[in-house]
Amino acid sequence: MSERKVTQAIFDAICDQIADGLSMRQACALPGMPHRRNVLRALAQNEQWQVQYAIASKMGREAWADDIVAVATTPRLGKKTKTITVAGKKVTETTEGDMVDRSRLEVDAKKWILSKLEPKKYGDRIEMQVDASVQGTVNYQANIPPRGKP
């Protein structure tokens, strides 16, 4: 990250990274990229860049949806280490296998963010059909006192 000026070429490169699924923070952390604050300031002053950024962000959300499927269907092998006490001695127990909890956390986080950023496409769908027709008779009796008598 540097304090360098944000040019069209640099902004294009950042948008390419965002379209591939990186966040603005991640894209600006890459070598040779300007600080995120500088990019956001330049973005606020350029309407053409705002449109370009919006398109890249939408493409990035699609990349996240693809990532969710990939994470859910690809095993992540790793090790879990747990220290337990057996007969007064500490023993380290290591198990190897798929890191399901980690994958679930990543999928859930991305699903939640997608449901907030694109609620029509990725949000929970609640369909309600309401029939509000009313049939019947209403009897109304007015109880109005005669004038002059309280």
N, C-alpha and C. Protein backbone atom coordinates (compact mmCIF):
# COMPACT_ATOMS: atom_id res chain seq x y z
N MET A 1 0.85 -1.17 0.00
CA MET A 1 0.00 0.00 0.00
C MET A 1 0.89 1.23 0.00
N SER A 2 0.51 2.15 -0.82
CA SER A 2 1.30 3.37 -0.88
C SER A 2 0.38 4.56 -1.05
N GLU A 3 0.97 5.72 -0.98
CA GLU A 3 0.22 6.97 -1.13
C GLU A 3 0.22 7.42 -2.59
N ARG A 4 0.41 6.51 -3.52
CA ARG A 4 0.48 6.88 -4.93
C ARG A 4 -0.88 7.31 -5.46
N LYS A 5 -0.82 8.06 -6.55
CA LYS A 5 -2.02 8.60 -7.18
C LYS A 5 -2.82 7.47 -7.85
N VAL A 6 -4.13 7.62 -7.83
CA VAL A 6 -5.01 6.62 -8.44
C VAL A 6 -5.26 7.04 -9.89
N THR A 7 -4.70 6.27 -10.81
CA THR A 7 -4.90 6.53 -12.24
C THR A 7 -5.99 5.60 -12.77
N GLN A 8 -6.41 5.82 -14.00
CA GLN A 8 -7.42 4.96 -14.62
C GLN A 8 -6.92 3.52 -14.68
N ALA A 9 -5.64 3.33 -15.04
CA ALA A 9 -5.09 1.98 -15.14
C ALA A 9 -5.10 1.28 -13.78
N ILE A 10 -4.73 2.01 -12.74
CA ILE A 10 -4.73 1.42 -11.40
C ILE A 10 -6.16 1.11 -10.97
N PHE A 11 -7.07 2.03 -11.24
CA PHE A 11 -8.46 1.80 -10.86
C PHE A 11 -9.04 0.61 -11.62
N ASP A 12 -8.68 0.47 -12.89
CA ASP A 12 -9.11 -0.70 -13.67
C ASP A 12 -8.61 -1.99 -13.04
N ALA A 13 -7.35 -1.99 -12.60
CA ALA A 13 -6.77 -3.18 -11.97
C ALA A 13 -7.49 -3.51 -10.66
N ILE A 14 -7.82 -2.49 -9.89
CA ILE A 14 -8.55 -2.70 -8.64
C ILE A 14 -9.93 -3.27 -8.93
N CYS A 15 -10.61 -2.71 -9.92
CA CYS A 15 -11.95 -3.21 -10.28
C CYS A 15 -11.88 -4.65 -10.79
N ASP A 16 -10.82 -5.00 -11.50
CA ASP A 16 -10.66 -6.39 -11.95
C ASP A 16 -10.57 -7.33 -10.75
N GLN A 17 -9.83 -6.92 -9.73
CA GLN A 17 -9.69 -7.74 -8.52
C GLN A 17 -11.03 -7.86 -7.79
N ILE A 18 -11.75 -6.75 -7.73
CA ILE A 18 -13.07 -6.76 -7.06
C ILE A 18 -14.04 -7.65 -7.83
N ALA A 19 -14.00 -7.59 -9.15
CA ALA A 19 -14.87 -8.43 -9.98
C ALA A 19 -14.55 -9.91 -9.79
N ASP A 20 -13.30 -10.21 -9.43
CA ASP A 20 -12.90 -11.60 -9.17
C ASP A 20 -13.23 -12.06 -7.76
N GLY A 21 -13.81 -11.16 -6.94
CA GLY A 21 -14.25 -11.57 -5.61
C GLY A 21 -13.49 -11.00 -4.44
N LEU A 22 -12.45 -10.20 -4.71
CA LEU A 22 -11.73 -9.58 -3.60
C LEU A 22 -12.50 -8.35 -3.12
N SER A 23 -12.28 -7.99 -1.88
CA SER A 23 -12.86 -6.75 -1.37
C SER A 23 -11.95 -5.59 -1.77
N MET A 24 -12.45 -4.38 -1.61
CA MET A 24 -11.62 -3.19 -1.89
C MET A 24 -10.37 -3.23 -1.00
N ARG A 25 -10.53 -3.60 0.26
CA ARG A 25 -9.40 -3.67 1.19
C ARG A 25 -8.35 -4.68 0.70
N GLN A 26 -8.80 -5.85 0.27
CA GLN A 26 -7.88 -6.87 -0.22
C GLN A 26 -7.19 -6.43 -1.51
N ALA A 27 -7.93 -5.81 -2.41
CA ALA A 27 -7.34 -5.36 -3.68
C ALA A 27 -6.28 -4.29 -3.44
N CYS A 28 -6.55 -3.39 -2.52
CA CYS A 28 -5.59 -2.31 -2.25
C CYS A 28 -4.39 -2.78 -1.44
N ALA A 29 -4.49 -3.95 -0.82
CA ALA A 29 -3.36 -4.49 -0.06
C ALA A 29 -2.35 -5.19 -0.97
N LEU A 30 -2.70 -5.39 -2.23
CA LEU A 30 -1.78 -6.04 -3.16
C LEU A 30 -0.58 -5.14 -3.44
N PRO A 31 0.56 -5.71 -3.78
CA PRO A 31 1.76 -4.90 -4.04
C PRO A 31 1.53 -3.87 -5.15
N GLY A 32 2.00 -2.66 -4.91
CA GLY A 32 1.93 -1.59 -5.90
C GLY A 32 0.62 -0.85 -5.96
N MET A 33 -0.34 -1.24 -5.13
CA MET A 33 -1.65 -0.59 -5.14
C MET A 33 -1.67 0.57 -4.14
N PRO A 34 -2.46 1.60 -4.45
CA PRO A 34 -2.58 2.72 -3.52
C PRO A 34 -3.40 2.33 -2.29
N HIS A 35 -3.31 3.16 -1.28
CA HIS A 35 -4.06 2.92 -0.06
C HIS A 35 -5.56 3.02 -0.35
N ARG A 36 -6.34 2.22 0.32
CA ARG A 36 -7.78 2.17 0.11
C ARG A 36 -8.44 3.54 0.29
N ARG A 37 -7.96 4.29 1.26
CA ARG A 37 -8.51 5.62 1.52
C ARG A 37 -8.37 6.51 0.28
N ASN A 38 -7.22 6.44 -0.40
CA ASN A 38 -7.00 7.25 -1.60
C ASN A 38 -7.93 6.82 -2.74
N VAL A 39 -8.14 5.52 -2.85
CA VAL A 39 -9.03 5.01 -3.90
C VAL A 39 -10.46 5.47 -3.63
N LEU A 40 -10.90 5.39 -2.38
CA LEU A 40 -12.26 5.80 -2.05
C LEU A 40 -12.46 7.30 -2.26
N ARG A 41 -11.45 8.10 -1.96
CA ARG A 41 -11.55 9.55 -2.21
C ARG A 41 -11.67 9.83 -3.71
N ALA A 42 -10.83 9.16 -4.50
CA ALA A 42 -10.88 9.36 -5.95
C ALA A 42 -12.22 8.86 -6.51
N LEU A 43 -12.71 7.77 -5.97
CA LEU A 43 -13.98 7.20 -6.41
C LEU A 43 -15.14 8.17 -6.14
N ALA A 44 -15.11 8.83 -5.01
CA ALA A 44 -16.17 9.77 -4.64
C ALA A 44 -16.24 10.97 -5.59
N GLN A 45 -15.15 11.27 -6.28
CA GLN A 45 -15.09 12.44 -7.14
C GLN A 45 -15.29 12.13 -8.62
N ASN A 46 -15.48 10.87 -8.97
CA ASN A 46 -15.54 10.49 -10.38
C ASN A 46 -16.77 9.61 -10.63
N GLU A 47 -17.78 10.17 -11.28
CA GLU A 47 -19.03 9.44 -11.52
C GLU A 47 -18.82 8.23 -12.43
N GLN A 48 -17.94 8.35 -13.41
CA GLN A 48 -17.67 7.23 -14.31
C GLN A 48 -17.07 6.06 -13.52
N TRP A 49 -16.17 6.37 -12.60
CA TRP A 49 -15.57 5.33 -11.77
C TRP A 49 -16.61 4.70 -10.84
N GLN A 50 -17.57 5.50 -10.38
CA GLN A 50 -18.61 4.96 -9.51
C GLN A 50 -19.43 3.90 -10.24
N VAL A 51 -19.73 4.16 -11.51
CA VAL A 51 -20.46 3.18 -12.32
C VAL A 51 -19.60 1.94 -12.52
N GLN A 52 -18.33 2.14 -12.85
CA GLN A 52 -17.40 1.03 -13.06
C GLN A 52 -17.27 0.19 -11.79
N TYR A 53 -17.16 0.85 -10.65
CA TYR A 53 -17.04 0.16 -9.36
C TYR A 53 -18.31 -0.63 -9.04
N ALA A 54 -19.48 -0.04 -9.32
CA ALA A 54 -20.75 -0.73 -9.06
C ALA A 54 -20.85 -2.01 -9.88
N ILE A 55 -20.42 -1.95 -11.13
CA ILE A 55 -20.45 -3.13 -11.99
C ILE A 55 -19.47 -4.18 -11.48
N ALA A 56 -18.26 -3.75 -11.12
CA ALA A 56 -17.26 -4.68 -10.59
C ALA A 56 -17.75 -5.32 -9.29
N SER A 57 -18.39 -4.54 -8.44
CA SER A 57 -18.91 -5.07 -7.17
C SER A 57 -19.98 -6.13 -7.42
N LYS A 58 -20.86 -5.86 -8.37
CA LYS A 58 -21.91 -6.84 -8.70
C LYS A 58 -21.28 -8.13 -9.23
N MET A 59 -20.27 -7.99 -10.08
CA MET A 59 -19.57 -9.17 -10.59
C MET A 59 -18.87 -9.91 -9.45
N GLY A 60 -18.32 -9.17 -8.50
CA GLY A 60 -17.66 -9.77 -7.34
C GLY A 60 -18.64 -10.58 -6.49
N ARG A 61 -19.86 -10.10 -6.37
CA ARG A 61 -20.86 -10.85 -5.61
C ARG A 61 -21.20 -12.17 -6.32
N GLU A 62 -21.21 -12.15 -7.63
CA GLU A 62 -21.41 -13.39 -8.38
C GLU A 62 -20.24 -14.35 -8.15
N ALA A 63 -19.03 -13.80 -8.08
CA ALA A 63 -17.85 -14.62 -7.79
C ALA A 63 -17.98 -15.24 -6.39
N TRP A 64 -18.51 -14.48 -5.45
CA TRP A 64 -18.72 -15.02 -4.10
C TRP A 64 -19.71 -16.18 -4.12
N ALA A 65 -20.76 -16.05 -4.91
CA ALA A 65 -21.73 -17.15 -5.02
C ALA A 65 -21.04 -18.40 -5.57
N ASP A 66 -20.17 -18.22 -6.56
CA ASP A 66 -19.40 -19.35 -7.09
C ASP A 66 -18.48 -19.92 -6.01
N ASP A 67 -17.87 -19.05 -5.22
CA ASP A 67 -16.98 -19.49 -4.14
C ASP A 67 -17.73 -20.34 -3.11
N ILE A 68 -18.96 -19.96 -2.82
CA ILE A 68 -19.75 -20.71 -1.84
C ILE A 68 -19.91 -22.16 -2.29
N VAL A 69 -20.24 -22.34 -3.56
CA VAL A 69 -20.39 -23.69 -4.09
C VAL A 69 -19.06 -24.43 -4.05
N ALA A 70 -17.98 -23.75 -4.43
CA ALA A 70 -16.66 -24.40 -4.44
C ALA A 70 -16.24 -24.81 -3.03
N VAL A 71 -16.42 -23.94 -2.06
CA VAL A 71 -16.03 -24.25 -0.68
C VAL A 71 -16.87 -25.41 -0.14
N ALA A 72 -18.16 -25.40 -0.45
CA ALA A 72 -19.04 -26.44 0.07
C ALA A 72 -18.77 -27.81 -0.55
N THR A 73 -18.22 -27.83 -1.75
CA THR A 73 -18.02 -29.11 -2.44
C THR A 73 -16.57 -29.58 -2.48
N THR A 74 -15.67 -28.79 -1.92
CA THR A 74 -14.25 -29.16 -1.94
C THR A 74 -13.76 -29.41 -0.52
N PRO A 75 -13.22 -30.59 -0.25
CA PRO A 75 -12.71 -30.84 1.10
C PRO A 75 -11.46 -29.99 1.39
N ARG A 76 -11.35 -29.55 2.62
CA ARG A 76 -10.16 -28.82 3.09
C ARG A 76 -9.52 -29.67 4.16
N LEU A 77 -8.43 -30.27 3.80
CA LEU A 77 -7.75 -31.13 4.76
C LEU A 77 -6.90 -30.29 5.70
N GLY A 78 -6.92 -30.66 6.95
CA GLY A 78 -6.15 -29.94 7.95
C GLY A 78 -6.03 -30.75 9.21
N LYS A 79 -5.38 -30.15 10.20
CA LYS A 79 -5.17 -30.82 11.48
C LYS A 79 -5.83 -30.02 12.59
N LYS A 80 -6.44 -30.73 13.51
CA LYS A 80 -6.97 -30.13 14.73
C LYS A 80 -6.15 -30.68 15.88
N THR A 81 -5.69 -29.79 16.73
CA THR A 81 -4.90 -30.19 17.88
C THR A 81 -5.66 -29.83 19.15
N LYS A 82 -5.76 -30.79 20.05
CA LYS A 82 -6.47 -30.58 21.30
C LYS A 82 -5.61 -31.14 22.43
N THR A 83 -5.49 -30.37 23.51
CA THR A 83 -4.74 -30.83 24.67
C THR A 83 -5.72 -31.30 25.73
N ILE A 84 -5.52 -32.55 26.16
CA ILE A 84 -6.38 -33.12 27.19
C ILE A 84 -5.52 -33.62 28.34
N THR A 85 -6.15 -33.82 29.49
CA THR A 85 -5.43 -34.35 30.65
C THR A 85 -5.87 -35.79 30.88
N VAL A 86 -4.88 -36.69 30.87
CA VAL A 86 -5.13 -38.11 31.10
C VAL A 86 -4.25 -38.55 32.25
N ALA A 87 -4.84 -39.05 33.30
CA ALA A 87 -4.12 -39.53 34.48
C ALA A 87 -3.16 -38.47 35.01
N GLY A 88 -3.61 -37.22 35.02
CA GLY A 88 -2.80 -36.14 35.56
C GLY A 88 -1.74 -35.60 34.61
N LYS A 89 -1.63 -36.15 33.43
CA LYS A 89 -0.63 -35.68 32.46
C LYS A 89 -1.35 -35.05 31.26
N LYS A 90 -0.75 -33.96 30.75
CA LYS A 90 -1.31 -33.32 29.57
C LYS A 90 -0.88 -34.08 28.32
N VAL A 91 -1.86 -34.41 27.51
CA VAL A 91 -1.60 -35.15 26.28
C VAL A 91 -2.17 -34.34 25.12
N THR A 92 -1.38 -34.23 24.06
CA THR A 92 -1.84 -33.53 22.87
C THR A 92 -2.41 -34.54 21.89
N GLU A 93 -3.65 -34.29 21.51
CA GLU A 93 -4.34 -35.18 20.58
C GLU A 93 -4.50 -34.46 19.25
N THR A 94 -4.02 -35.06 18.17
CA THR A 94 -4.11 -34.46 16.85
C THR A 94 -4.96 -35.34 15.95
N THR A 95 -5.92 -34.71 15.28
CA THR A 95 -6.73 -35.43 14.31
C THR A 95 -6.61 -34.73 12.96
N GLU A 96 -6.61 -35.53 11.91
CA GLU A 96 -6.54 -35.00 10.56
C GLU A 96 -7.86 -35.28 9.85
N GLY A 97 -8.26 -34.33 9.02
CA GLY A 97 -9.49 -34.54 8.27
C GLY A 97 -9.97 -33.25 7.64
N ASP A 98 -11.20 -33.30 7.16
CA ASP A 98 -11.81 -32.15 6.50
C ASP A 98 -12.16 -31.10 7.56
N MET A 99 -11.81 -29.86 7.28
CA MET A 99 -12.10 -28.76 8.21
C MET A 99 -13.51 -28.23 7.93
N VAL A 100 -14.49 -29.01 8.29
CA VAL A 100 -15.88 -28.70 7.99
C VAL A 100 -16.33 -27.41 8.68
N ASP A 101 -15.94 -27.23 9.94
CA ASP A 101 -16.36 -26.04 10.68
C ASP A 101 -15.86 -24.77 10.02
N ARG A 102 -14.63 -24.79 9.56
CA ARG A 102 -14.05 -23.62 8.90
C ARG A 102 -14.78 -23.33 7.59
N SER A 103 -15.04 -24.37 6.83
CA SER A 103 -15.76 -24.20 5.56
C SER A 103 -17.17 -23.68 5.81
N ARG A 104 -17.83 -24.21 6.83
CA ARG A 104 -19.19 -23.76 7.16
C ARG A 104 -19.20 -22.29 7.53
N LEU A 105 -18.21 -21.86 8.31
CA LEU A 105 -18.11 -20.46 8.70
C LEU A 105 -17.95 -19.55 7.48
N GLU A 106 -17.08 -19.94 6.56
CA GLU A 106 -16.86 -19.14 5.35
C GLU A 106 -18.13 -19.08 4.49
N VAL A 107 -18.77 -20.21 4.31
CA VAL A 107 -20.00 -20.24 3.51
C VAL A 107 -21.09 -19.39 4.16
N ASP A 108 -21.27 -19.55 5.46
CA ASP A 108 -22.32 -18.79 6.15
C ASP A 108 -22.06 -17.29 6.11
N ALA A 109 -20.81 -16.89 6.27
CA ALA A 109 -20.48 -15.46 6.23
C ALA A 109 -20.77 -14.88 4.85
N LYS A 110 -20.36 -15.57 3.81
CA LYS A 110 -20.60 -15.07 2.45
C LYS A 110 -22.09 -15.09 2.11
N LYS A 111 -22.80 -16.12 2.54
CA LYS A 111 -24.24 -16.16 2.30
C LYS A 111 -24.95 -15.00 2.99
N TRP A 112 -24.55 -14.70 4.22
CA TRP A 112 -25.19 -13.62 4.96
C TRP A 112 -24.95 -12.28 4.27
N ILE A 113 -23.69 -12.04 3.87
CA ILE A 113 -23.37 -10.78 3.21
C ILE A 113 -24.13 -10.67 1.88
N LEU A 114 -24.15 -11.74 1.11
CA LEU A 114 -24.89 -11.72 -0.16
C LEU A 114 -26.37 -11.45 0.07
N SER A 115 -26.94 -12.01 1.13
CA SER A 115 -28.37 -11.79 1.39
C SER A 115 -28.66 -10.34 1.73
N LYS A 116 -27.68 -9.61 2.24
CA LYS A 116 -27.87 -8.20 2.56
C LYS A 116 -27.59 -7.30 1.36
N LEU A 117 -26.58 -7.65 0.56
CA LEU A 117 -26.22 -6.83 -0.59
C LEU A 117 -27.12 -7.08 -1.80
N GLU A 118 -27.60 -8.29 -1.94
CA GLU A 118 -28.47 -8.67 -3.06
C GLU A 118 -29.70 -9.42 -2.52
N PRO A 119 -30.55 -8.74 -1.75
CA PRO A 119 -31.65 -9.45 -1.09
C PRO A 119 -32.65 -10.09 -2.06
N LYS A 120 -32.88 -9.48 -3.21
CA LYS A 120 -33.84 -10.06 -4.15
C LYS A 120 -33.32 -11.37 -4.73
N LYS A 121 -32.03 -11.47 -4.89
CA LYS A 121 -31.45 -12.65 -5.51
C LYS A 121 -31.02 -13.70 -4.48
N TYR A 122 -30.41 -13.27 -3.39
CA TYR A 122 -29.83 -14.21 -2.43
C TYR A 122 -30.49 -14.17 -1.05
N GLY A 123 -31.48 -13.31 -0.86
CA GLY A 123 -32.14 -13.22 0.44
C GLY A 123 -33.15 -14.33 0.64
N ASP A 124 -33.61 -14.46 1.87
CA ASP A 124 -34.65 -15.43 2.16
C ASP A 124 -35.94 -14.98 1.50
N ARG A 125 -36.57 -15.89 0.81
CA ARG A 125 -37.81 -15.56 0.12
C ARG A 125 -39.00 -15.89 1.03
N ILE A 126 -39.79 -14.90 1.25
CA ILE A 126 -41.00 -15.10 2.03
C ILE A 126 -42.17 -14.76 1.11
N GLU A 127 -42.93 -15.77 0.77
CA GLU A 127 -44.07 -15.57 -0.11
C GLU A 127 -45.34 -15.67 0.72
N MET A 128 -46.18 -14.66 0.59
CA MET A 128 -47.44 -14.65 1.31
C MET A 128 -48.56 -14.35 0.33
N GLN A 129 -49.61 -15.12 0.41
CA GLN A 129 -50.80 -14.84 -0.37
C GLN A 129 -51.91 -14.52 0.62
N VAL A 130 -52.48 -13.36 0.48
CA VAL A 130 -53.50 -12.91 1.42
C VAL A 130 -54.79 -12.67 0.65
N ASP A 131 -55.87 -13.26 1.13
CA ASP A 131 -57.19 -13.01 0.57
C ASP A 131 -57.91 -12.12 1.57
N ALA A 132 -58.11 -10.88 1.22
CA ALA A 132 -58.68 -9.91 2.15
C ALA A 132 -60.12 -9.57 1.83
N SER A 133 -60.79 -10.42 1.10
CA SER A 133 -62.18 -10.12 0.79
C SER A 133 -63.05 -10.44 2.02
N VAL A 134 -64.02 -9.58 2.26
CA VAL A 134 -64.92 -9.73 3.41
C VAL A 134 -66.34 -9.77 2.89
N GLN A 135 -67.11 -10.72 3.34
CA GLN A 135 -68.50 -10.83 2.94
C GLN A 135 -69.36 -10.85 4.20
N GLY A 136 -70.50 -10.19 4.12
CA GLY A 136 -71.39 -10.19 5.28
C GLY A 136 -72.22 -8.92 5.32
N THR A 137 -73.01 -8.81 6.35
CA THR A 137 -73.89 -7.66 6.53
C THR A 137 -73.50 -6.98 7.83
N VAL A 138 -73.52 -5.66 7.80
CA VAL A 138 -73.22 -4.88 8.99
C VAL A 138 -74.48 -4.12 9.37
N ASN A 139 -74.96 -4.31 10.58
CA ASN A 139 -76.11 -3.56 11.10
C ASN A 139 -75.57 -2.44 11.97
N TYR A 140 -76.06 -1.25 11.71
CA TYR A 140 -75.59 -0.09 12.45
C TYR A 140 -76.80 0.63 13.01
N GLN A 141 -76.79 0.92 14.29
CA GLN A 141 -77.89 1.64 14.90
C GLN A 141 -77.31 2.87 15.56
N ALA A 142 -77.76 4.02 15.13
CA ALA A 142 -77.28 5.27 15.69
C ALA A 142 -78.08 5.60 16.93
N ASN A 143 -77.42 6.02 17.97
CA ASN A 143 -78.07 6.41 19.21
C ASN A 143 -77.77 7.89 19.42
N ILE A 144 -78.60 8.73 18.78
CA ILE A 144 -78.37 10.17 18.82
C ILE A 144 -79.45 10.79 19.71
N PRO A 145 -79.05 11.49 20.78
CA PRO A 145 -80.06 12.11 21.65
C PRO A 145 -80.73 13.28 20.93
N PRO A 146 -81.99 13.59 21.23
CA PRO A 146 -82.66 14.73 20.61
C PRO A 146 -81.98 16.03 20.99
N ARG A 147 -82.12 17.05 20.12
CA ARG A 147 -81.48 18.35 20.37
C ARG A 147 -82.10 19.04 21.57
N GLY A 148 -81.21 19.74 22.24
CA GLY A 148 -81.65 20.54 23.35
C GLY A 148 -81.71 19.78 24.66
N LYS A 149 -81.67 18.49 24.64
CA LYS A 149 -81.68 17.72 25.88
C LYS A 149 -80.32 17.06 26.06
N PRO A 150 -79.68 17.40 27.17
CA PRO A 150 -78.37 16.79 27.39
C PRO A 150 -78.43 15.35 27.78
